[in-house]
């Protein structure tokens, strides 16, 4: 007779709660950053969301940085650009 081992997927150590980012009071004139993970259609998503944010909320501009591949980390220069933004949207394509 075969034996099946069951595993409990629960985290055994307590996880400390984290506080989310402070909500932006007003997007009017704000610079919004986008991270293009280089997957197919991520650029279309960024284009559309950027346009909607401009039309509906009056954002001032958007800054887009692009990864070479989805697995890659952002370059220091890209992070330096994103730090200047009021908010950053992580974009996925496919």
PDB file of N, CA and C in Angstrom:
ATOM      1  N   UNK A   1       0.836  -1.171   0.000  1.00  0.00           N
ATOM      2  CA  UNK A   1       0.000   0.000   0.000  1.00  0.00           C
ATOM      3  C   UNK A   1       0.892   1.249   0.000  1.00  0.00           C
ATOM      4  N   UNK A   2       0.554   2.242  -0.854  1.00  0.00           N
ATOM      5  CA  UNK A   2       1.318   3.488  -0.934  1.00  0.00           C
ATOM      6  C   UNK A   2       0.949   4.412   0.216  1.00  0.00           C
ATOM      7  N   UNK A   3       1.895   5.237   0.551  1.00  0.00           N
ATOM      8  CA  UNK A   3       1.658   6.203   1.617  1.00  0.00           C
ATOM      9  C   UNK A   3       1.720   7.603   1.014  1.00  0.00           C
ATOM     10  N   UNK A   4       0.763   8.442   1.371  1.00  0.00           N
ATOM     11  CA  UNK A   4       0.721   9.826   0.888  1.00  0.00           C
ATOM     12  C   UNK A   4       1.044  10.748   2.055  1.00  0.00           C
ATOM     13  N   UNK A   5       1.990  11.638   1.834  1.00  0.00           N
ATOM     14  CA  UNK A   5       2.332  12.620   2.856  1.00  0.00           C
ATOM     15  C   UNK A   5       1.606  13.919   2.546  1.00  0.00           C
ATOM     16  N   UNK A   6       0.847  14.402   3.509  1.00  0.00           N
ATOM     17  CA  UNK A   6       0.154  15.680   3.349  1.00  0.00           C
ATOM     18  C   UNK A   6       1.002  16.780   3.959  1.00  0.00           C
ATOM     19  N   UNK A   7       1.062  17.898   3.277  1.00  0.00           N
ATOM     20  CA  UNK A   7       1.832  19.030   3.777  1.00  0.00           C
ATOM     21  C   UNK A   7       0.888  20.192   4.034  1.00  0.00           C
ATOM     22  N   UNK A   8       1.158  20.909   5.093  1.00  0.00           N
ATOM     23  CA  UNK A   8       0.363  22.070   5.452  1.00  0.00           C
ATOM     24  C   UNK A   8       1.013  23.303   4.821  1.00  0.00           C
ATOM     25  N   UNK A   9       0.331  24.005   3.920  1.00  0.00           N
ATOM     26  CA  UNK A   9       0.939  25.142   3.228  1.00  0.00           C
ATOM     27  C   UNK A   9       0.923  26.444   4.027  1.00  0.00           C
ATOM     28  N   UNK A  10       0.377  26.426   5.240  1.00  0.00           N
ATOM     29  CA  UNK A  10       0.299  27.657   6.025  1.00  0.00           C
ATOM     30  C   UNK A  10       1.690  28.125   6.435  1.00  0.00           C
ATOM     31  N   UNK A  11       1.836  29.433   6.551  1.00  0.00           N
ATOM     32  CA  UNK A  11       3.082  30.019   7.031  1.00  0.00           C
ATOM     33  C   UNK A  11       3.175  29.728   8.520  1.00  0.00           C
ATOM     34  N   UNK A  12       4.303  29.196   8.939  1.00  0.00           N
ATOM     35  CA  UNK A  12       4.436  28.807  10.337  1.00  0.00           C
ATOM     36  C   UNK A  12       4.848  29.964  11.242  1.00  0.00           C
ATOM     37  N   UNK A  13       5.417  31.007  10.670  1.00  0.00           N
ATOM     38  CA  UNK A  13       5.832  32.156  11.468  1.00  0.00           C
ATOM     39  C   UNK A  13       4.864  33.307  11.238  1.00  0.00           C
ATOM     40  N   UNK A  14       4.556  34.046  12.294  1.00  0.00           N
ATOM     41  CA  UNK A  14       3.654  35.189  12.103  1.00  0.00           C
ATOM     42  C   UNK A  14       4.307  36.240  11.205  1.00  0.00           C
ATOM     43  N   UNK A  15       3.503  36.844  10.380  1.00  0.00           N
ATOM     44  CA  UNK A  15       3.990  37.874   9.465  1.00  0.00           C
ATOM     45  C   UNK A  15       3.546  39.229  10.001  1.00  0.00           C
ATOM     46  N   UNK A  16       4.492  40.122  10.140  1.00  0.00           N
ATOM     47  CA  UNK A  16       4.178  41.454  10.659  1.00  0.00           C
ATOM     48  C   UNK A  16       3.353  42.228   9.640  1.00  0.00           C
ATOM     49  N   UNK A  17       2.310  42.895  10.094  1.00  0.00           N
ATOM     50  CA  UNK A  17       1.508  43.689   9.156  1.00  0.00           C
ATOM     51  C   UNK A  17       2.314  44.882   8.639  1.00  0.00           C
ATOM     52  N   UNK A  18       2.010  45.289   7.421  1.00  0.00           N
ATOM     53  CA  UNK A  18       2.675  46.464   6.863  1.00  0.00           C
ATOM     54  C   UNK A  18       1.631  47.528   6.558  1.00  0.00           C
ATOM     55  N   UNK A  19       2.068  48.745   6.572  1.00  0.00           N
ATOM     56  CA  UNK A  19       1.185  49.853   6.251  1.00  0.00           C
ATOM     57  C   UNK A  19       1.362  50.193   4.783  1.00  0.00           C
ATOM     58  N   UNK A  20       0.271  50.324   4.071  1.00  0.00           N
ATOM     59  CA  UNK A  20       0.336  50.688   2.657  1.00  0.00           C
ATOM     60  C   UNK A  20       0.754  52.142   2.482  1.00  0.00           C
ATOM     61  N   UNK A  21       1.011  52.493   1.260  1.00  0.00           N
ATOM     62  CA  UNK A  21       1.404  53.865   0.942  1.00  0.00           C
ATOM     63  C   UNK A  21       0.250  54.820   1.235  1.00  0.00           C
ATOM     64  N   UNK A  22       0.596  56.033   1.560  1.00  0.00           N
ATOM     65  CA  UNK A  22      -0.404  57.064   1.798  1.00  0.00           C
ATOM     66  C   UNK A  22      -1.120  57.376   0.496  1.00  0.00           C
ATOM     67  N   UNK A  23      -2.414  57.491   0.574  1.00  0.00           N
ATOM     68  CA  UNK A  23      -3.216  57.788  -0.614  1.00  0.00           C
ATOM     69  C   UNK A  23      -2.922  59.207  -1.104  1.00  0.00           C
ATOM     70  N   UNK A  24      -2.810  59.360  -2.413  1.00  0.00           N
ATOM     71  CA  UNK A  24      -2.557  60.670  -3.004  1.00  0.00           C
ATOM     72  C   UNK A  24      -3.854  61.470  -2.957  1.00  0.00           C
ATOM     73  N   UNK A  25      -3.786  62.670  -2.399  1.00  0.00           N
ATOM     74  CA  UNK A  25      -4.988  63.496  -2.247  1.00  0.00           C
ATOM     75  C   UNK A  25      -5.533  63.964  -3.591  1.00  0.00           C
ATOM     76  N   UNK A  26      -4.638  64.309  -4.524  1.00  0.00           N
ATOM     77  CA  UNK A  26      -5.079  64.852  -5.808  1.00  0.00           C
ATOM     78  C   UNK A  26      -4.062  64.482  -6.884  1.00  0.00           C
ATOM     79  N   UNK A  27      -4.535  63.966  -8.001  1.00  0.00           N
ATOM     80  CA  UNK A  27      -3.636  63.593  -9.099  1.00  0.00           C
ATOM     81  C   UNK A  27      -3.377  64.741 -10.070  1.00  0.00           C
ATOM     82  N   UNK A  28      -4.113  65.830  -9.940  1.00  0.00           N
ATOM     83  CA  UNK A  28      -3.968  66.942 -10.882  1.00  0.00           C
ATOM     84  C   UNK A  28      -2.527  67.454 -10.865  1.00  0.00           C
ATOM     85  N   UNK A  29      -1.888  67.393 -12.027  1.00  0.00           N
ATOM     86  CA  UNK A  29      -0.515  67.855 -12.168  1.00  0.00           C
ATOM     87  C   UNK A  29       0.544  66.874 -11.686  1.00  0.00           C
ATOM     88  N   UNK A  30       0.134  65.750 -11.120  1.00  0.00           N
ATOM     89  CA  UNK A  30       1.088  64.778 -10.572  1.00  0.00           C
ATOM     90  C   UNK A  30       1.820  64.033 -11.688  1.00  0.00           C
ATOM     91  N   UNK A  31       3.053  63.671 -11.412  1.00  0.00           N
ATOM     92  CA  UNK A  31       3.835  62.840 -12.324  1.00  0.00           C
ATOM     93  C   UNK A  31       3.666  61.389 -11.867  1.00  0.00           C
ATOM     94  N   UNK A  32       3.209  60.541 -12.771  1.00  0.00           N
ATOM     95  CA  UNK A  32       2.973  59.134 -12.467  1.00  0.00           C
ATOM     96  C   UNK A  32       4.001  58.290 -13.215  1.00  0.00           C
ATOM     97  N   UNK A  33       4.609  57.359 -12.515  1.00  0.00           N
ATOM     98  CA  UNK A  33       5.593  56.468 -13.117  1.00  0.00           C
ATOM     99  C   UNK A  33       4.968  55.150 -13.532  1.00  0.00           C
ATOM    100  N   UNK A  34       5.483  54.585 -14.609  1.00  0.00           N
ATOM    101  CA  UNK A  34       5.044  53.275 -15.081  1.00  0.00           C
ATOM    102  C   UNK A  34       6.267  52.396 -15.276  1.00  0.00           C
ATOM    103  N   UNK A  35       6.169  51.151 -14.840  1.00  0.00           N
ATOM    104  CA  UNK A  35       7.234  50.182 -15.068  1.00  0.00           C
ATOM    105  C   UNK A  35       6.739  49.199 -16.119  1.00  0.00           C
ATOM    106  N   UNK A  36       7.365  49.234 -17.277  1.00  0.00           N
ATOM    107  CA  UNK A  36       7.056  48.321 -18.380  1.00  0.00           C
ATOM    108  C   UNK A  36       7.933  47.090 -18.191  1.00  0.00           C
ATOM    109  N   UNK A  37       7.321  45.946 -17.929  1.00  0.00           N
ATOM    110  CA  UNK A  37       8.114  44.747 -17.663  1.00  0.00           C
ATOM    111  C   UNK A  37       8.574  44.047 -18.938  1.00  0.00           C
ATOM    112  N   UNK A  38       8.341  44.649 -20.081  1.00  0.00           N
ATOM    113  CA  UNK A  38       8.770  44.191 -21.409  1.00  0.00           C
ATOM    114  C   UNK A  38       7.974  43.000 -21.931  1.00  0.00           C
ATOM    115  N   UNK A  39       6.877  42.658 -21.271  1.00  0.00           N
ATOM    116  CA  UNK A  39       6.013  41.618 -21.825  1.00  0.00           C
ATOM    117  C   UNK A  39       5.157  42.223 -22.927  1.00  0.00           C
ATOM    118  N   UNK A  40       4.700  41.357 -23.802  1.00  0.00           N
ATOM    119  CA  UNK A  40       3.870  41.796 -24.917  1.00  0.00           C
ATOM    120  C   UNK A  40       2.642  42.537 -24.393  1.00  0.00           C
ATOM    121  N   UNK A  41       2.354  43.670 -25.003  1.00  0.00           N
ATOM    122  CA  UNK A  41       1.191  44.515 -24.714  1.00  0.00           C
ATOM    123  C   UNK A  41       1.311  45.378 -23.465  1.00  0.00           C
ATOM    124  N   UNK A  42       2.391  45.277 -22.710  1.00  0.00           N
ATOM    125  CA  UNK A  42       2.554  46.153 -21.550  1.00  0.00           C
ATOM    126  C   UNK A  42       2.570  47.611 -21.998  1.00  0.00           C
ATOM    127  N   UNK A  43       3.193  47.881 -23.142  1.00  0.00           N
ATOM    128  CA  UNK A  43       3.246  49.257 -23.647  1.00  0.00           C
ATOM    129  C   UNK A  43       1.852  49.779 -23.992  1.00  0.00           C
ATOM    130  N   UNK A  44       0.989  48.911 -24.509  1.00  0.00           N
ATOM    131  CA  UNK A  44      -0.384  49.328 -24.817  1.00  0.00           C
ATOM    132  C   UNK A  44      -1.159  49.639 -23.538  1.00  0.00           C
ATOM    133  N   UNK A  45      -0.938  48.843 -22.515  1.00  0.00           N
ATOM    134  CA  UNK A  45      -1.576  49.073 -21.221  1.00  0.00           C
ATOM    135  C   UNK A  45      -1.154  50.428 -20.658  1.00  0.00           C
ATOM    136  N   UNK A  46       0.143  50.698 -20.697  1.00  0.00           N
ATOM    137  CA  UNK A  46       0.669  51.962 -20.180  1.00  0.00           C
ATOM    138  C   UNK A  46       0.093  53.139 -20.950  1.00  0.00           C
ATOM    139  N   UNK A  47       0.067  53.020 -22.256  1.00  0.00           N
ATOM    140  CA  UNK A  47      -0.474  54.087 -23.103  1.00  0.00           C
ATOM    141  C   UNK A  47      -1.926  54.385 -22.734  1.00  0.00           C
ATOM    142  N   UNK A  48      -2.719  53.348 -22.586  1.00  0.00           N
ATOM    143  CA  UNK A  48      -4.154  53.523 -22.295  1.00  0.00           C
ATOM    144  C   UNK A  48      -4.390  54.063 -20.889  1.00  0.00           C
ATOM    145  N   UNK A  49      -3.714  53.498 -19.903  1.00  0.00           N
ATOM    146  CA  UNK A  49      -3.895  53.967 -18.527  1.00  0.00           C
ATOM    147  C   UNK A  49      -3.392  55.399 -18.382  1.00  0.00           C
ATOM    148  N   UNK A  50      -2.271  55.710 -19.014  1.00  0.00           N
ATOM    149  CA  UNK A  50      -1.762  57.084 -18.977  1.00  0.00           C
ATOM    150  C   UNK A  50      -2.757  58.067 -19.563  1.00  0.00           C
ATOM    151  N   UNK A  51      -3.355  57.706 -20.696  1.00  0.00           N
ATOM    152  CA  UNK A  51      -4.360  58.572 -21.333  1.00  0.00           C
ATOM    153  C   UNK A  51      -5.576  58.748 -20.428  1.00  0.00           C
ATOM    154  N   UNK A  52      -6.036  57.674 -19.815  1.00  0.00           N
ATOM    155  CA  UNK A  52      -7.191  57.766 -18.912  1.00  0.00           C
ATOM    156  C   UNK A  52      -6.885  58.634 -17.696  1.00  0.00           C
ATOM    157  N   UNK A  53      -5.685  58.507 -17.158  1.00  0.00           N
ATOM    158  CA  UNK A  53      -5.304  59.335 -16.013  1.00  0.00           C
ATOM    159  C   UNK A  53      -5.216  60.812 -16.395  1.00  0.00           C
ATOM    160  N   UNK A  54      -4.734  61.094 -17.594  1.00  0.00           N
ATOM    161  CA  UNK A  54      -4.690  62.492 -18.057  1.00  0.00           C
ATOM    162  C   UNK A  54      -6.102  63.039 -18.251  1.00  0.00           C
ATOM    163  N   UNK A  55      -6.949  62.269 -18.955  1.00  0.00           N
ATOM    164  CA  UNK A  55      -8.311  62.716 -19.270  1.00  0.00           C
ATOM    165  C   UNK A  55      -9.184  62.865 -18.029  1.00  0.00           C
ATOM    166  N   UNK A  56      -9.121  61.900 -17.137  1.00  0.00           N
ATOM    167  CA  UNK A  56     -10.040  61.868 -15.995  1.00  0.00           C
ATOM    168  C   UNK A  56      -9.517  62.531 -14.726  1.00  0.00           C
ATOM    169  N   UNK A  57      -8.194  62.589 -14.565  1.00  0.00           N
ATOM    170  CA  UNK A  57      -7.641  63.102 -13.315  1.00  0.00           C
ATOM    171  C   UNK A  57      -6.626  64.219 -13.507  1.00  0.00           C
ATOM    172  N   UNK A  58      -6.300  64.546 -14.746  1.00  0.00           N
ATOM    173  CA  UNK A  58      -5.410  65.675 -15.012  1.00  0.00           C
ATOM    174  C   UNK A  58      -3.970  65.495 -14.585  1.00  0.00           C
ATOM    175  N   UNK A  59      -3.452  64.262 -14.674  1.00  0.00           N
ATOM    176  CA  UNK A  59      -2.043  64.093 -14.301  1.00  0.00           C
ATOM    177  C   UNK A  59      -1.185  64.980 -15.192  1.00  0.00           C
ATOM    178  N   UNK A  60      -0.058  65.402 -14.647  1.00  0.00           N
ATOM    179  CA  UNK A  60       0.813  66.296 -15.385  1.00  0.00           C
ATOM    180  C   UNK A  60       1.623  65.584 -16.450  1.00  0.00           C
ATOM    181  N   UNK A  61       2.139  64.436 -16.111  1.00  0.00           N
ATOM    182  CA  UNK A  61       2.992  63.690 -17.041  1.00  0.00           C
ATOM    183  C   UNK A  61       3.119  62.265 -16.543  1.00  0.00           C
ATOM    184  N   UNK A  62       3.638  61.424 -17.407  1.00  0.00           N
ATOM    185  CA  UNK A  62       3.991  60.092 -16.944  1.00  0.00           C
ATOM    186  C   UNK A  62       5.405  59.760 -17.395  1.00  0.00           C
ATOM    187  N   UNK A  63       6.090  59.031 -16.535  1.00  0.00           N
ATOM    188  CA  UNK A  63       7.455  58.588 -16.781  1.00  0.00           C
ATOM    189  C   UNK A  63       7.401  57.073 -16.924  1.00  0.00           C
ATOM    190  N   UNK A  64       7.966  56.548 -17.997  1.00  0.00           N
ATOM    191  CA  UNK A  64       7.964  55.102 -18.200  1.00  0.00           C
ATOM    192  C   UNK A  64       9.391  54.585 -18.240  1.00  0.00           C
ATOM    193  N   UNK A  65       9.657  53.566 -17.439  1.00  0.00           N
ATOM    194  CA  UNK A  65      10.940  52.870 -17.505  1.00  0.00           C
ATOM    195  C   UNK A  65      10.648  51.446 -17.957  1.00  0.00           C
ATOM    196  N   UNK A  66      11.560  50.873 -18.714  1.00  0.00           N
ATOM    197  CA  UNK A  66      11.327  49.541 -19.290  1.00  0.00           C
ATOM    198  C   UNK A  66      12.435  48.591 -18.868  1.00  0.00           C
ATOM    199  N   UNK A  67      12.028  47.434 -18.392  1.00  0.00           N
ATOM    200  CA  UNK A  67      12.991  46.387 -18.068  1.00  0.00           C
ATOM    201  C   UNK A  67      13.430  45.699 -19.360  1.00  0.00           C
ATOM    202  N   UNK A  68      14.623  45.152 -19.369  1.00  0.00           N
ATOM    203  CA  UNK A  68      15.075  44.378 -20.534  1.00  0.00           C
ATOM    204  C   UNK A  68      14.293  43.080 -20.646  1.00  0.00           C
ATOM    205  N   UNK A  69      13.998  42.479 -19.505  1.00  0.00           N
ATOM    206  CA  UNK A  69      13.227  41.231 -19.449  1.00  0.00           C
ATOM    207  C   UNK A  69      12.424  41.247 -18.150  1.00  0.00           C
ATOM    208  N   UNK A  70      11.290  40.562 -18.118  1.00  0.00           N
ATOM    209  CA  UNK A  70      10.455  40.576 -16.918  1.00  0.00           C
ATOM    210  C   UNK A  70      11.191  40.167 -15.637  1.00  0.00           C
ATOM    211  N   UNK A  71      12.166  39.276 -15.755  1.00  0.00           N
ATOM    212  CA  UNK A  71      12.894  38.787 -14.585  1.00  0.00           C
ATOM    213  C   UNK A  71      13.917  39.787 -14.049  1.00  0.00           C
ATOM    214  N   UNK A  72      14.278  40.772 -14.854  1.00  0.00           N
ATOM    215  CA  UNK A  72      15.334  41.705 -14.481  1.00  0.00           C
ATOM    216  C   UNK A  72      14.880  42.699 -13.422  1.00  0.00           C
ATOM    217  N   UNK A  73      15.845  43.141 -12.628  1.00  0.00           N
ATOM    218  CA  UNK A  73      15.596  44.213 -11.671  1.00  0.00           C
ATOM    219  C   UNK A  73      15.697  45.538 -12.409  1.00  0.00           C
ATOM    220  N   UNK A  74      15.125  46.563 -11.825  1.00  0.00           N
ATOM    221  CA  UNK A  74      15.256  47.895 -12.415  1.00  0.00           C
ATOM    222  C   UNK A  74      16.662  48.423 -12.176  1.00  0.00           C
ATOM    223  N   UNK A  75      17.167  49.157 -13.133  1.00  0.00           N
ATOM    224  CA  UNK A  75      18.481  49.777 -13.006  1.00  0.00           C
ATOM    225  C   UNK A  75      18.401  50.917 -11.994  1.00  0.00           C
ATOM    226  N   UNK A  76      19.527  51.263 -11.399  1.00  0.00           N
ATOM    227  CA  UNK A  76      19.562  52.354 -10.424  1.00  0.00           C
ATOM    228  C   UNK A  76      19.036  53.656 -11.015  1.00  0.00           C
ATOM    229  N   UNK A  77      19.373  53.924 -12.270  1.00  0.00           N
ATOM    230  CA  UNK A  77      18.894  55.142 -12.928  1.00  0.00           C
ATOM    231  C   UNK A  77      17.382  55.155 -13.078  1.00  0.00           C
ATOM    232  N   UNK A  78      16.803  53.989 -13.371  1.00  0.00           N
ATOM    233  CA  UNK A  78      15.343  53.882 -13.477  1.00  0.00           C
ATOM    234  C   UNK A  78      14.686  54.134 -12.127  1.00  0.00           C
ATOM    235  N   UNK A  79      15.248  53.551 -11.076  1.00  0.00           N
ATOM    236  CA  UNK A  79      14.705  53.769  -9.733  1.00  0.00           C
ATOM    237  C   UNK A  79      14.794  55.236  -9.339  1.00  0.00           C
ATOM    238  N   UNK A  80      15.888  55.891  -9.725  1.00  0.00           N
ATOM    239  CA  UNK A  80      16.048  57.315  -9.422  1.00  0.00           C
ATOM    240  C   UNK A  80      14.963  58.142 -10.104  1.00  0.00           C
ATOM    241  N   UNK A  81      14.566  57.755 -11.308  1.00  0.00           N
ATOM    242  CA  UNK A  81      13.481  58.460 -12.008  1.00  0.00           C
ATOM    243  C   UNK A  81      12.138  58.218 -11.326  1.00  0.00           C
ATOM    244  N   UNK A  82      11.895  56.992 -10.918  1.00  0.00           N
ATOM    245  CA  UNK A  82      10.608  56.643 -10.314  1.00  0.00           C
ATOM    246  C   UNK A  82      10.419  57.269  -8.938  1.00  0.00           C
ATOM    247  N   UNK A  83      11.517  57.482  -8.222  1.00  0.00           N
ATOM    248  CA  UNK A  83      11.436  58.095  -6.896  1.00  0.00           C
ATOM    249  C   UNK A  83      10.843  59.502  -6.974  1.00  0.00           C
ATOM    250  N   UNK A  84      10.991  60.155  -8.093  1.00  0.00           N
ATOM    251  CA  UNK A  84      10.474  61.517  -8.277  1.00  0.00           C
ATOM    252  C   UNK A  84       8.966  61.539  -8.539  1.00  0.00           C
ATOM    253  N   UNK A  85       8.375  60.385  -8.779  1.00  0.00           N
ATOM    254  CA  UNK A  85       6.957  60.304  -9.143  1.00  0.00           C
ATOM    255  C   UNK A  85       6.064  60.272  -7.904  1.00  0.00           C
ATOM    256  N   UNK A  86       4.852  60.792  -8.061  1.00  0.00           N
ATOM    257  CA  UNK A  86       3.872  60.765  -6.971  1.00  0.00           C
ATOM    258  C   UNK A  86       3.371  59.345  -6.727  1.00  0.00           C
ATOM    259  N   UNK A  87       3.317  58.538  -7.774  1.00  0.00           N
ATOM    260  CA  UNK A  87       2.874  57.145  -7.683  1.00  0.00           C
ATOM    261  C   UNK A  87       3.494  56.371  -8.833  1.00  0.00           C
ATOM    262  N   UNK A  88       3.583  55.059  -8.665  1.00  0.00           N
ATOM    263  CA  UNK A  88       4.150  54.195  -9.702  1.00  0.00           C
ATOM    264  C   UNK A  88       3.192  53.035  -9.952  1.00  0.00           C
ATOM    265  N   UNK A  89       2.959  52.751 -11.232  1.00  0.00           N
ATOM    266  CA  UNK A  89       2.107  51.642 -11.641  1.00  0.00           C
ATOM    267  C   UNK A  89       3.001  50.563 -12.233  1.00  0.00           C
ATOM    268  N   UNK A  90       2.964  49.375 -11.638  1.00  0.00           N
ATOM    269  CA  UNK A  90       3.712  48.233 -12.161  1.00  0.00           C
ATOM    270  C   UNK A  90       2.856  47.585 -13.238  1.00  0.00           C
ATOM    271  N   UNK A  91       3.355  47.535 -14.463  1.00  0.00           N
ATOM    272  CA  UNK A  91       2.552  47.056 -15.590  1.00  0.00           C
ATOM    273  C   UNK A  91       2.987  45.675 -16.045  1.00  0.00           C
ATOM    274  N   UNK A  92       2.011  44.850 -16.325  1.00  0.00           N
ATOM    275  CA  UNK A  92       2.241  43.517 -16.861  1.00  0.00           C
ATOM    276  C   UNK A  92       1.517  43.397 -18.186  1.00  0.00           C
ATOM    277  N   UNK A  93       2.151  42.732 -19.115  1.00  0.00           N
ATOM    278  CA  UNK A  93       1.514  42.514 -20.407  1.00  0.00           C
ATOM    279  C   UNK A  93       1.082  41.071 -20.572  1.00  0.00           C
ATOM    280  N   UNK A  94       0.824  40.703 -21.777  1.00  0.00           N
ATOM    281  CA  UNK A  94       0.431  39.367 -22.238  1.00  0.00           C
ATOM    282  C   UNK A  94      -0.953  39.365 -22.775  1.00  0.00           C
TER     283      UNK A  94
END
